[in-house]
Amino acid sequence: MSDSKPPAPSPRTGLTDARLRARIIERSAREPSPTRAQFSLEQRVVLSLVVLVPLLVFLASGGIRVGPRPERLVIATALGSAILATGVAIVGIGRGRSMLGRPRALLFTQVLLTPAVLFGWRALLSACYPKMTLEWVERPGLRCFTLSILLACVPLVGLLWLRRGSDPLHPRLTGAAFGAASGAGAWVLVDLWCPVGYVPHLLVGHVLPLLVLIALSALIGSRVIAVSRGPSTLMER
């Protein structure tokens, strides 16, 4: 049998992790970067706004409203949503062990499952209590839609700002993951505020704004958190 050599890699094949790391380091060495103190101050200011602004909006909107719901239902839905939102944030915001960020498959799973899992938790738990899934004619979901967007917009902008120009592989998907994380955080507060468990209301007022945030942040992320292209661009397309 004659020796056979493996085929040469196609020039269009994506860059390996090692080459990407090398080129990121090379680019970082040529470009000025803020000092640690400057970056730390920026982080503190942005993170303060990310936490403070949604809380103020939530309190200005009326805060926790138990309404006709049993207290056990309010606690259970909010606690479960908070645990889910924390997991979503860890996956979507953290970089993991690689300087290139989370794997594409993990981010895609996070984005895909976030609306489904949060909706399923609220709807199924509400169905376990009598009359908690009845229609509220005067509450079709528009107020919850607006509140969800208001609660999530500042955290989303803050995340995109802190991670601007940092993703060389899949900035659009990373942006979508940020939108899912911000929307999940807003979902927890809206759960505490909204007493309606009617499924069409949940779809319009809770799920739809989450989908809008994911789509919008994916669009913005493709421009804001993508590594800038130039003579030494980090991505080959």
Protein backbone atom coordinates (compact mmCIF):
# COMPACT_ATOMS: atom_id res chain seq x y z
CA MET A 1 0.00 0.00 0.00
CA SER A 2 1.30 3.45 -0.85
CA ASP A 3 1.59 6.06 1.83
CA SER A 4 -1.27 8.51 1.73
CA LYS A 5 -1.11 12.03 3.05
CA PRO A 6 -4.09 13.72 4.65
CA PRO A 7 -5.66 16.36 2.44
CA ALA A 8 -4.49 19.89 2.99
CA PRO A 9 -6.98 22.08 4.87
CA SER A 10 -9.11 24.35 2.75
CA PRO A 11 -8.13 28.03 2.82
CA ARG A 12 -11.74 28.82 3.65
CA THR A 13 -11.73 26.68 6.77
CA GLY A 14 -12.20 28.65 10.01
CA LEU A 15 -9.16 29.65 12.00
CA THR A 16 -8.08 27.31 14.77
CA ASP A 17 -8.25 28.39 18.37
CA ALA A 18 -4.46 28.63 18.54
CA ARG A 19 -4.24 30.98 15.54
CA LEU A 20 -7.08 33.10 16.86
CA ARG A 21 -5.44 33.43 20.25
CA ALA A 22 -2.16 34.43 18.64
CA ARG A 23 -3.78 37.07 16.48
CA ILE A 24 -5.85 38.45 19.37
CA ILE A 25 -2.69 38.82 21.45
CA GLU A 26 -0.89 40.43 18.51
CA ARG A 27 -3.68 42.94 17.96
CA SER A 28 -3.96 43.71 21.67
CA ALA A 29 -0.24 44.45 21.86
CA ARG A 30 -0.54 47.09 19.10
CA GLU A 31 -3.64 48.86 20.41
CA PRO A 32 -3.74 51.04 23.54
CA SER A 33 -5.88 49.67 26.32
CA PRO A 34 -7.37 51.36 29.39
CA THR A 35 -5.54 50.98 32.66
CA ARG A 36 -6.86 48.52 35.21
CA ALA A 37 -8.12 51.39 37.36
CA GLN A 38 -9.98 52.97 34.44
CA PHE A 39 -11.56 49.67 33.46
CA SER A 40 -12.50 48.89 37.05
CA LEU A 41 -14.19 52.29 37.42
CA GLU A 42 -16.07 51.77 34.18
CA GLN A 43 -17.21 48.34 35.32
CA ARG A 44 -18.42 49.66 38.67
CA VAL A 45 -20.39 52.50 37.07
CA VAL A 46 -22.02 50.29 34.45
CA LEU A 47 -22.82 47.47 36.87
CA SER A 48 -24.31 49.95 39.33
CA LEU A 49 -26.62 51.26 36.62
CA VAL A 50 -27.44 47.71 35.50
CA VAL A 51 -28.67 46.86 39.00
CA LEU A 52 -30.08 50.20 40.19
CA VAL A 53 -32.09 51.35 37.16
CA PRO A 54 -34.27 48.21 36.82
CA LEU A 55 -34.98 48.23 40.56
CA LEU A 56 -36.07 51.87 40.43
CA VAL A 57 -38.29 51.17 37.40
CA PHE A 58 -39.76 48.16 39.17
CA LEU A 59 -40.52 50.11 42.34
CA ALA A 60 -41.94 53.04 40.36
CA SER A 61 -44.28 50.58 38.61
CA GLY A 62 -45.70 49.35 41.90
CA GLY A 63 -43.21 46.73 43.06
CA ILE A 64 -44.42 43.33 44.18
CA ARG A 65 -48.14 42.82 43.58
CA VAL A 66 -49.57 39.64 45.01
CA GLY A 67 -53.12 40.37 43.84
CA PRO A 68 -55.41 37.34 43.83
CA ARG A 69 -52.46 34.92 43.80
CA PRO A 70 -51.63 32.81 46.85
CA GLU A 71 -48.37 33.91 48.41
CA ARG A 72 -46.96 30.44 47.87
CA LEU A 73 -47.51 30.80 44.13
CA VAL A 74 -45.80 34.20 44.05
CA ILE A 75 -42.79 32.88 45.96
CA ALA A 76 -42.54 29.70 43.92
CA THR A 77 -42.77 31.37 40.51
CA ALA A 78 -40.31 34.12 41.43
CA LEU A 79 -37.84 31.75 43.10
CA GLY A 80 -37.90 29.30 40.22
CA SER A 81 -37.56 32.08 37.66
CA ALA A 82 -34.65 33.58 39.63
CA ILE A 83 -32.80 30.25 39.66
CA LEU A 84 -33.37 29.80 35.93
CA ALA A 85 -32.33 33.39 35.20
CA THR A 86 -29.12 32.91 37.19
CA GLY A 87 -28.23 29.85 35.13
CA VAL A 88 -29.03 31.72 31.92
CA ALA A 89 -26.79 34.61 32.99
CA ILE A 90 -23.89 32.34 33.92
CA VAL A 91 -23.97 30.67 30.51
CA GLY A 92 -24.74 33.75 28.42
CA ILE A 93 -22.54 36.37 30.07
CA GLY A 94 -19.54 34.37 31.27
CA ARG A 95 -16.68 33.56 28.92
CA GLY A 96 -15.97 30.11 30.30
CA ARG A 97 -12.42 28.75 30.24
CA SER A 98 -11.62 29.94 26.73
CA MET A 99 -10.58 33.50 25.93
CA LEU A 100 -12.68 33.10 22.77
CA GLY A 101 -15.90 32.80 24.77
CA ARG A 102 -18.53 30.11 25.08
CA PRO A 103 -18.92 27.42 22.39
CA ARG A 104 -21.48 28.19 19.70
CA ALA A 105 -23.63 25.17 20.59
CA LEU A 106 -23.89 26.18 24.25
CA LEU A 107 -24.91 29.74 23.44
CA PHE A 108 -27.46 28.54 20.89
CA THR A 109 -28.96 26.17 23.47
CA GLN A 110 -29.17 28.97 26.03
CA VAL A 111 -30.92 31.31 23.60
CA LEU A 112 -33.32 28.61 22.43
CA LEU A 113 -34.31 27.25 25.83
CA THR A 114 -34.60 30.48 27.83
CA PRO A 115 -38.07 31.57 26.61
CA ALA A 116 -39.43 28.01 26.62
CA VAL A 117 -38.24 27.11 30.12
CA LEU A 118 -39.34 30.39 31.75
CA PHE A 119 -42.75 30.23 30.07
CA GLY A 120 -43.20 26.57 30.96
CA TRP A 121 -42.36 27.19 34.61
CA ARG A 122 -44.84 30.07 34.99
CA ALA A 123 -47.65 28.43 33.02
CA LEU A 124 -47.40 24.99 34.60
CA LEU A 125 -47.08 26.31 38.14
CA SER A 126 -50.04 28.65 37.67
CA ALA A 127 -52.11 25.73 36.42
CA CYS A 128 -51.57 23.95 39.74
CA TYR A 129 -53.65 26.58 41.56
CA PRO A 130 -57.41 27.08 41.10
CA LYS A 131 -58.47 30.01 38.88
CA MET A 132 -54.89 31.20 38.32
CA THR A 133 -55.03 30.67 34.54
CA LEU A 134 -58.29 32.52 33.92
CA GLU A 135 -58.43 35.29 31.31
CA TRP A 136 -58.15 38.91 32.39
CA VAL A 137 -59.92 40.84 29.63
CA GLU A 138 -58.49 44.17 30.80
CA ARG A 139 -54.94 42.77 30.87
CA PRO A 140 -54.03 41.44 27.39
CA GLY A 141 -50.32 41.74 28.16
CA LEU A 142 -49.29 45.12 26.74
CA ARG A 143 -48.36 46.57 30.12
CA CYS A 144 -46.19 43.56 30.92
CA PHE A 145 -44.59 43.81 27.48
CA THR A 146 -43.65 47.44 28.09
CA LEU A 147 -42.38 46.80 31.60
CA SER A 148 -40.27 43.85 30.44
CA ILE A 149 -38.54 45.98 27.81
CA LEU A 150 -37.97 48.86 30.25
CA LEU A 151 -36.49 46.56 32.88
CA ALA A 152 -34.14 44.80 30.46
CA CYS A 153 -32.90 47.64 28.24
CA VAL A 154 -30.33 49.15 30.64
CA PRO A 155 -28.78 45.80 31.65
CA LEU A 156 -28.59 44.81 27.99
CA VAL A 157 -26.92 48.07 26.93
CA GLY A 158 -24.51 47.74 29.86
CA LEU A 159 -23.49 44.21 28.88
CA LEU A 160 -22.97 45.16 25.25
CA TRP A 161 -20.89 48.16 26.30
CA LEU A 162 -18.64 46.20 28.62
CA ARG A 163 -18.04 43.51 26.01
CA ARG A 164 -17.71 45.80 22.99
CA GLY A 165 -15.18 44.73 20.37
CA SER A 166 -14.35 41.49 22.16
CA ASP A 167 -15.87 38.59 20.22
CA PRO A 168 -13.94 37.28 17.19
CA LEU A 169 -16.08 34.19 16.51
CA HIS A 170 -19.84 34.63 16.88
CA PRO A 171 -20.75 38.15 18.09
CA ARG A 172 -24.32 37.85 16.82
CA LEU A 173 -24.97 34.73 18.88
CA THR A 174 -23.19 36.19 21.90
CA GLY A 175 -25.38 39.28 21.61
CA ALA A 176 -28.47 37.08 21.49
CA ALA A 177 -27.28 35.32 24.66
CA PHE A 178 -26.94 38.73 26.34
CA GLY A 179 -30.51 39.52 25.31
CA ALA A 180 -31.73 36.23 26.76
CA ALA A 181 -29.88 36.89 30.03
CA SER A 182 -31.21 40.46 30.33
CA GLY A 183 -34.72 39.37 29.46
CA ALA A 184 -34.59 36.52 31.98
CA GLY A 185 -33.60 38.96 34.72
CA ALA A 186 -36.49 41.23 33.78
CA TRP A 187 -38.80 38.19 33.75
CA VAL A 188 -38.17 37.62 37.47
CA LEU A 189 -39.31 41.14 38.38
CA VAL A 190 -42.31 40.97 36.06
CA ASP A 191 -43.27 37.66 37.70
CA LEU A 192 -43.41 39.50 41.02
CA TRP A 193 -45.44 42.33 39.50
CA CYS A 194 -47.94 40.48 37.28
CA PRO A 195 -50.73 38.33 38.80
CA VAL A 196 -52.02 37.00 35.45
CA GLY A 197 -51.38 33.37 34.52
CA TYR A 198 -53.56 33.26 31.40
CA VAL A 199 -51.48 31.62 28.67
CA PRO A 200 -52.18 34.12 25.83
CA HIS A 201 -51.29 36.94 28.24
CA LEU A 202 -48.01 35.23 29.13
CA LEU A 203 -47.17 34.79 25.47
CA VAL A 204 -47.81 38.46 24.62
CA GLY A 205 -46.60 40.17 27.77
CA HIS A 206 -43.77 37.91 28.91
CA VAL A 207 -42.48 35.71 26.08
CA LEU A 208 -42.77 38.17 23.18
CA PRO A 209 -40.59 40.90 24.78
CA LEU A 210 -37.98 38.26 25.56
CA LEU A 211 -37.91 37.23 21.90
CA VAL A 212 -37.69 40.88 20.84
CA LEU A 213 -34.74 41.44 23.18
CA ILE A 214 -32.95 38.37 21.82
CA ALA A 215 -33.45 39.44 18.20
CA LEU A 216 -32.50 43.06 18.86
CA SER A 217 -29.39 42.20 20.86
CA ALA A 218 -28.27 39.76 18.16
CA LEU A 219 -28.48 42.57 15.61
CA ILE A 220 -26.64 45.03 17.84
CA GLY A 221 -24.12 42.43 18.95
CA SER A 222 -23.07 41.75 15.37
CA ARG A 223 -21.87 45.36 15.21
CA VAL A 224 -20.91 46.32 18.75
CA ILE A 225 -19.19 43.29 20.28
CA ALA A 226 -17.60 41.98 17.09
CA VAL A 227 -13.84 42.42 16.89
CA SER A 228 -13.25 45.28 14.48
CA ARG A 229 -12.15 44.21 11.04
CA GLY A 230 -9.07 45.60 9.40
CA PRO A 231 -5.77 44.56 7.81
CA SER A 232 -5.23 42.10 10.62
CA THR A 233 -8.84 41.02 11.05
CA LEU A 234 -9.43 38.13 13.36
CA MET A 235 -12.08 36.46 11.28
CA GLU A 236 -11.82 34.96 7.85
CA ARG A 237 -15.09 34.72 6.00
